[in-house]
Amino acid sequence: MIREINDRHEYLNIYKSQCGMCKLLDWTKCICPAFPKGIPEDMLEGDIKHDKPIKGQQGDYLFTPDD
């Protein structure tokens, strides 16, 4: 049986990306409520910030610092 491979964590740059410091991030799947099918690679890499809504996201979720 072939299962879907989720390698999104390979794109996550914990030094540049806000995602690594966001309390909405699901670390096991590299998803969040705004991107339930996968956070965009350029966001995981830290090339774009999530301080305003981004085309294609779900709801009005934004970067929320993890306390």
PDB file of N, CA and C in Angstrom:
ATOM      1  N   MET A   1       0.835  -1.172   0.000  1.00  0.00           N
ATOM      2  CA  MET A   1       0.000   0.000   0.000  1.00  0.00           C
ATOM      3  C   MET A   1       0.889   1.247   0.000  1.00  0.00           C
ATOM      4  N   ILE A   2       0.644   2.138  -0.941  1.00  0.00           N
ATOM      5  CA  ILE A   2       1.393   3.381  -1.016  1.00  0.00           C
ATOM      6  C   ILE A   2       0.612   4.457  -0.270  1.00  0.00           C
ATOM      7  N   ARG A   3       1.312   5.155   0.594  1.00  0.00           N
ATOM      8  CA  ARG A   3       0.703   6.258   1.342  1.00  0.00           C
ATOM      9  C   ARG A   3       1.308   7.565   0.874  1.00  0.00           C
ATOM     10  N   GLU A   4       0.586   8.630   1.105  1.00  0.00           N
ATOM     11  CA  GLU A   4       1.086   9.950   0.730  1.00  0.00           C
ATOM     12  C   GLU A   4       2.296  10.315   1.592  1.00  0.00           C
ATOM     13  N   ILE A   5       3.337  10.795   0.958  1.00  0.00           N
ATOM     14  CA  ILE A   5       4.532  11.208   1.680  1.00  0.00           C
ATOM     15  C   ILE A   5       4.432  12.707   1.945  1.00  0.00           C
ATOM     16  N   ASN A   6       4.586  13.076   3.206  1.00  0.00           N
ATOM     17  CA  ASN A   6       4.545  14.488   3.575  1.00  0.00           C
ATOM     18  C   ASN A   6       5.968  14.908   3.964  1.00  0.00           C
ATOM     19  N   ASP A   7       6.627  15.601   3.056  1.00  0.00           N
ATOM     20  CA  ASP A   7       7.998  16.051   3.322  1.00  0.00           C
ATOM     21  C   ASP A   7       8.076  17.568   3.482  1.00  0.00           C
ATOM     22  N   ARG A   8       6.960  18.189   3.839  1.00  0.00           N
ATOM     23  CA  ARG A   8       6.908  19.641   3.974  1.00  0.00           C
ATOM     24  C   ARG A   8       7.879  20.155   5.035  1.00  0.00           C
ATOM     25  N   HIS A   9       8.164  19.340   6.028  1.00  0.00           N
ATOM     26  CA  HIS A   9       9.109  19.763   7.071  1.00  0.00           C
ATOM     27  C   HIS A   9      10.493  20.060   6.491  1.00  0.00           C
ATOM     28  N   GLU A  10      10.809  19.505   5.335  1.00  0.00           N
ATOM     29  CA  GLU A  10      12.097  19.751   4.691  1.00  0.00           C
ATOM     30  C   GLU A  10      12.244  21.217   4.271  1.00  0.00           C
ATOM     31  N   TYR A  11      11.118  21.890   4.036  1.00  0.00           N
ATOM     32  CA  TYR A  11      11.144  23.295   3.620  1.00  0.00           C
ATOM     33  C   TYR A  11      11.183  24.256   4.801  1.00  0.00           C
ATOM     34  N   LEU A  12      10.822  23.797   5.982  1.00  0.00           N
ATOM     35  CA  LEU A  12      10.713  24.670   7.140  1.00  0.00           C
ATOM     36  C   LEU A  12      12.088  25.164   7.588  1.00  0.00           C
ATOM     37  N   ASN A  13      12.283  26.473   7.488  1.00  0.00           N
ATOM     38  CA  ASN A  13      13.514  27.116   7.944  1.00  0.00           C
ATOM     39  C   ASN A  13      13.207  27.725   9.308  1.00  0.00           C
ATOM     40  N   ILE A  14      13.624  27.074  10.363  1.00  0.00           N
ATOM     41  CA  ILE A  14      13.270  27.528  11.711  1.00  0.00           C
ATOM     42  C   ILE A  14      13.938  28.852  12.076  1.00  0.00           C
ATOM     43  N   TYR A  15      14.918  29.277  11.312  1.00  0.00           N
ATOM     44  CA  TYR A  15      15.607  30.537  11.595  1.00  0.00           C
ATOM     45  C   TYR A  15      14.944  31.734  10.918  1.00  0.00           C
ATOM     46  N   LYS A  16      14.321  31.527   9.752  1.00  0.00           N
ATOM     47  CA  LYS A  16      13.723  32.625   8.997  1.00  0.00           C
ATOM     48  C   LYS A  16      12.197  32.632   9.038  1.00  0.00           C
ATOM     49  N   SER A  17      11.582  31.477   9.092  1.00  0.00           N
ATOM     50  CA  SER A  17      10.132  31.376   8.969  1.00  0.00           C
ATOM     51  C   SER A  17       9.409  31.704  10.278  1.00  0.00           C
ATOM     52  N   GLN A  18       8.303  32.413  10.162  1.00  0.00           N
ATOM     53  CA  GLN A  18       7.452  32.661  11.319  1.00  0.00           C
ATOM     54  C   GLN A  18       6.776  31.370  11.767  1.00  0.00           C
ATOM     55  N   CYS A  19       6.599  30.447  10.875  1.00  0.00           N
ATOM     56  CA  CYS A  19       5.848  29.218  11.170  1.00  0.00           C
ATOM     57  C   CYS A  19       6.396  28.484  12.392  1.00  0.00           C
ATOM     58  N   GLY A  20       7.688  28.413  12.523  1.00  0.00           N
ATOM     59  CA  GLY A  20       8.298  27.702  13.639  1.00  0.00           C
ATOM     60  C   GLY A  20       8.013  28.330  14.985  1.00  0.00           C
ATOM     61  N   MET A  21       7.574  29.580  14.986  1.00  0.00           N
ATOM     62  CA  MET A  21       7.269  30.292  16.230  1.00  0.00           C
ATOM     63  C   MET A  21       5.774  30.542  16.396  1.00  0.00           C
ATOM     64  N   CYS A  22       4.949  29.928  15.530  1.00  0.00           N
ATOM     65  CA  CYS A  22       3.509  30.151  15.544  1.00  0.00           C
ATOM     66  C   CYS A  22       2.798  29.034  16.300  1.00  0.00           C
ATOM     67  N   LYS A  23       1.895  29.415  17.191  1.00  0.00           N
ATOM     68  CA  LYS A  23       1.205  28.392  17.978  1.00  0.00           C
ATOM     69  C   LYS A  23       0.150  27.641  17.164  1.00  0.00           C
ATOM     70  N   LEU A  24      -0.145  28.079  15.949  1.00  0.00           N
ATOM     71  CA  LEU A  24      -1.123  27.397  15.107  1.00  0.00           C
ATOM     72  C   LEU A  24      -0.507  26.277  14.269  1.00  0.00           C
ATOM     73  N   LEU A  25       0.812  26.195  14.240  1.00  0.00           N
ATOM     74  CA  LEU A  25       1.491  25.188  13.427  1.00  0.00           C
ATOM     75  C   LEU A  25       1.306  23.783  13.992  1.00  0.00           C
ATOM     76  N   ASP A  26       0.925  22.859  13.134  1.00  0.00           N
ATOM     77  CA  ASP A  26       0.903  21.437  13.469  1.00  0.00           C
ATOM     78  C   ASP A  26       2.237  20.876  12.966  1.00  0.00           C
ATOM     79  N   TRP A  27       3.164  20.681  13.887  1.00  0.00           N
ATOM     80  CA  TRP A  27       4.522  20.250  13.543  1.00  0.00           C
ATOM     81  C   TRP A  27       4.562  18.900  12.852  1.00  0.00           C
ATOM     82  N   THR A  28       3.636  18.024  13.145  1.00  0.00           N
ATOM     83  CA  THR A  28       3.678  16.675  12.561  1.00  0.00           C
ATOM     84  C   THR A  28       3.343  16.668  11.077  1.00  0.00           C
ATOM     85  N   LYS A  29       2.556  17.654  10.618  1.00  0.00           N
ATOM     86  CA  LYS A  29       2.138  17.683   9.219  1.00  0.00           C
ATOM     87  C   LYS A  29       2.545  18.957   8.483  1.00  0.00           C
ATOM     88  N   CYS A  30       3.124  19.921   9.215  1.00  0.00           N
ATOM     89  CA  CYS A  30       3.456  21.239   8.650  1.00  0.00           C
ATOM     90  C   CYS A  30       2.232  21.863   7.978  1.00  0.00           C
ATOM     91  N   ILE A  31       1.151  21.877   8.736  1.00  0.00           N
ATOM     92  CA  ILE A  31      -0.076  22.529   8.302  1.00  0.00           C
ATOM     93  C   ILE A  31      -0.539  23.455   9.424  1.00  0.00           C
ATOM     94  N   CYS A  32      -1.524  24.273   9.122  1.00  0.00           N
ATOM     95  CA  CYS A  32      -2.146  25.135  10.126  1.00  0.00           C
ATOM     96  C   CYS A  32      -3.574  25.385   9.673  1.00  0.00           C
ATOM     97  N   PRO A  33      -4.400  26.015  10.511  1.00  0.00           N
ATOM     98  CA  PRO A  33      -5.783  26.273  10.106  1.00  0.00           C
ATOM     99  C   PRO A  33      -5.901  27.110   8.824  1.00  0.00           C
ATOM    100  N   ALA A  34      -4.958  27.993   8.585  1.00  0.00           N
ATOM    101  CA  ALA A  34      -4.992  28.816   7.375  1.00  0.00           C
ATOM    102  C   ALA A  34      -4.656  28.005   6.123  1.00  0.00           C
ATOM    103  N   PHE A  35      -3.825  26.979   6.286  1.00  0.00           N
ATOM    104  CA  PHE A  35      -3.390  26.151   5.161  1.00  0.00           C
ATOM    105  C   PHE A  35      -3.504  24.675   5.525  1.00  0.00           C
ATOM    106  N   PRO A  36      -4.738  24.161   5.611  1.00  0.00           N
ATOM    107  CA  PRO A  36      -4.952  22.777   6.045  1.00  0.00           C
ATOM    108  C   PRO A  36      -4.432  21.719   5.071  1.00  0.00           C
ATOM    109  N   LYS A  37      -4.153  22.111   3.836  1.00  0.00           N
ATOM    110  CA  LYS A  37      -3.606  21.156   2.860  1.00  0.00           C
ATOM    111  C   LYS A  37      -2.110  21.323   2.686  1.00  0.00           C
ATOM    112  N   GLY A  38      -1.512  22.219   3.474  1.00  0.00           N
ATOM    113  CA  GLY A  38      -0.067  22.424   3.409  1.00  0.00           C
ATOM    114  C   GLY A  38       0.298  23.888   3.308  1.00  0.00           C
ATOM    115  N   ILE A  39       1.185  24.316   4.175  1.00  0.00           N
ATOM    116  CA  ILE A  39       1.663  25.693   4.171  1.00  0.00           C
ATOM    117  C   ILE A  39       2.537  25.897   2.936  1.00  0.00           C
ATOM    118  N   PRO A  40       2.357  27.021   2.217  1.00  0.00           N
ATOM    119  CA  PRO A  40       3.170  27.270   1.024  1.00  0.00           C
ATOM    120  C   PRO A  40       4.677  27.207   1.329  1.00  0.00           C
ATOM    121  N   GLU A  41       5.423  26.663   0.389  1.00  0.00           N
ATOM    122  CA  GLU A  41       6.864  26.474   0.570  1.00  0.00           C
ATOM    123  C   GLU A  41       7.583  27.787   0.862  1.00  0.00           C
ATOM    124  N   ASP A  42       7.209  28.871   0.148  1.00  0.00           N
ATOM    125  CA  ASP A  42       7.910  30.140   0.367  1.00  0.00           C
ATOM    126  C   ASP A  42       7.633  30.707   1.759  1.00  0.00           C
ATOM    127  N   MET A  43       6.521  30.322   2.353  1.00  0.00           N
ATOM    128  CA  MET A  43       6.243  30.738   3.734  1.00  0.00           C
ATOM    129  C   MET A  43       7.051  29.876   4.705  1.00  0.00           C
ATOM    130  N   LEU A  44       7.119  28.580   4.457  1.00  0.00           N
ATOM    131  CA  LEU A  44       7.922  27.690   5.301  1.00  0.00           C
ATOM    132  C   LEU A  44       9.404  28.068   5.243  1.00  0.00           C
ATOM    133  N   GLU A  45       9.846  28.519   4.077  1.00  0.00           N
ATOM    134  CA  GLU A  45      11.248  28.896   3.912  1.00  0.00           C
ATOM    135  C   GLU A  45      11.552  30.273   4.502  1.00  0.00           C
ATOM    136  N   GLY A  46      10.512  31.035   4.852  1.00  0.00           N
ATOM    137  CA  GLY A  46      10.714  32.352   5.447  1.00  0.00           C
ATOM    138  C   GLY A  46      10.805  33.479   4.445  1.00  0.00           C
ATOM    139  N   ASP A  47      10.461  33.208   3.190  1.00  0.00           N
ATOM    140  CA  ASP A  47      10.541  34.252   2.166  1.00  0.00           C
ATOM    141  C   ASP A  47       9.378  35.222   2.229  1.00  0.00           C
ATOM    142  N   ILE A  48       8.245  34.796   2.790  1.00  0.00           N
ATOM    143  CA  ILE A  48       7.113  35.697   2.969  1.00  0.00           C
ATOM    144  C   ILE A  48       6.624  35.590   4.410  1.00  0.00           C
ATOM    145  N   LYS A  49       6.094  36.677   4.908  1.00  0.00           N
ATOM    146  CA  LYS A  49       5.549  36.742   6.264  1.00  0.00           C
ATOM    147  C   LYS A  49       4.042  36.538   6.207  1.00  0.00           C
ATOM    148  N   HIS A  50       3.478  36.126   7.312  1.00  0.00           N
ATOM    149  CA  HIS A  50       2.034  35.914   7.368  1.00  0.00           C
ATOM    150  C   HIS A  50       1.406  36.912   8.338  1.00  0.00           C
ATOM    151  N   ASP A  51       1.639  38.196   8.054  1.00  0.00           N
ATOM    152  CA  ASP A  51       1.082  39.259   8.886  1.00  0.00           C
ATOM    153  C   ASP A  51      -0.160  39.894   8.268  1.00  0.00           C
ATOM    154  N   LYS A  52      -0.568  39.386   7.097  1.00  0.00           N
ATOM    155  CA  LYS A  52      -1.809  39.782   6.446  1.00  0.00           C
ATOM    156  C   LYS A  52      -2.330  38.571   5.671  1.00  0.00           C
ATOM    157  N   PRO A  53      -3.632  38.531   5.400  1.00  0.00           N
ATOM    158  CA  PRO A  53      -4.186  37.378   4.677  1.00  0.00           C
ATOM    159  C   PRO A  53      -3.493  37.171   3.329  1.00  0.00           C
ATOM    160  N   ILE A  54      -3.337  35.916   2.980  1.00  0.00           N
ATOM    161  CA  ILE A  54      -2.670  35.542   1.735  1.00  0.00           C
ATOM    162  C   ILE A  54      -3.671  34.817   0.847  1.00  0.00           C
ATOM    163  N   LYS A  55      -3.635  35.106  -0.425  1.00  0.00           N
ATOM    164  CA  LYS A  55      -4.546  34.474  -1.381  1.00  0.00           C
ATOM    165  C   LYS A  55      -4.472  32.950  -1.255  1.00  0.00           C
ATOM    166  N   GLY A  56      -5.629  32.332  -1.116  1.00  0.00           N
ATOM    167  CA  GLY A  56      -5.688  30.880  -1.040  1.00  0.00           C
ATOM    168  C   GLY A  56      -5.770  30.326   0.374  1.00  0.00           C
ATOM    169  N   GLN A  57      -5.604  31.168   1.373  1.00  0.00           N
ATOM    170  CA  GLN A  57      -5.671  30.660   2.739  1.00  0.00           C
ATOM    171  C   GLN A  57      -7.121  30.499   3.177  1.00  0.00           C
ATOM    172  N   GLN A  58      -7.352  29.720   4.210  1.00  0.00           N
ATOM    173  CA  GLN A  58      -8.666  29.515   4.794  1.00  0.00           C
ATOM    174  C   GLN A  58      -8.850  30.473   5.965  1.00  0.00           C
ATOM    175  N   GLY A  59     -10.018  31.056   6.089  1.00  0.00           N
ATOM    176  CA  GLY A  59     -10.316  31.914   7.223  1.00  0.00           C
ATOM    177  C   GLY A  59      -9.442  33.163   7.268  1.00  0.00           C
ATOM    178  N   ASP A  60      -9.402  33.764   8.461  1.00  0.00           N
ATOM    179  CA  ASP A  60      -8.617  34.986   8.632  1.00  0.00           C
ATOM    180  C   ASP A  60      -7.457  34.777   9.604  1.00  0.00           C
ATOM    181  N   TYR A  61      -6.941  33.572   9.662  1.00  0.00           N
ATOM    182  CA  TYR A  61      -5.816  33.238  10.548  1.00  0.00           C
ATOM    183  C   TYR A  61      -4.550  33.954  10.082  1.00  0.00           C
ATOM    184  N   LEU A  62      -3.769  34.410  11.054  1.00  0.00           N
ATOM    185  CA  LEU A  62      -2.477  35.032  10.775  1.00  0.00           C
ATOM    186  C   LEU A  62      -1.451  34.463  11.767  1.00  0.00           C
ATOM    187  N   PHE A  63      -0.197  34.833  11.580  1.00  0.00           N
ATOM    188  CA  PHE A  63       0.859  34.421  12.500  1.00  0.00           C
ATOM    189  C   PHE A  63       0.458  34.795  13.920  1.00  0.00           C
ATOM    190  N   THR A  64       0.498  33.803  14.802  1.00  0.00           N
ATOM    191  CA  THR A  64       0.167  33.993  16.210  1.00  0.00           C
ATOM    192  C   THR A  64       1.335  33.472  17.038  1.00  0.00           C
ATOM    193  N   PRO A  65       2.107  34.377  17.655  1.00  0.00           N
ATOM    194  CA  PRO A  65       3.287  33.934  18.406  1.00  0.00           C
ATOM    195  C   PRO A  65       2.957  32.892  19.469  1.00  0.00           C
ATOM    196  N   ASP A  66       3.798  31.891  19.543  1.00  0.00           N
ATOM    197  CA  ASP A  66       3.655  30.855  20.556  1.00  0.00           C
ATOM    198  C   ASP A  66       4.187  31.413  21.869  1.00  0.00           C
ATOM    199  N   ASP A  67       3.389  31.334  22.905  1.00  0.00           N
ATOM    200  CA  ASP A  67       3.785  31.893  24.200  1.00  0.00           C
ATOM    201  C   ASP A  67       4.785  31.039  24.927  1.00  0.00           C
TER     202      ASP A  67
END
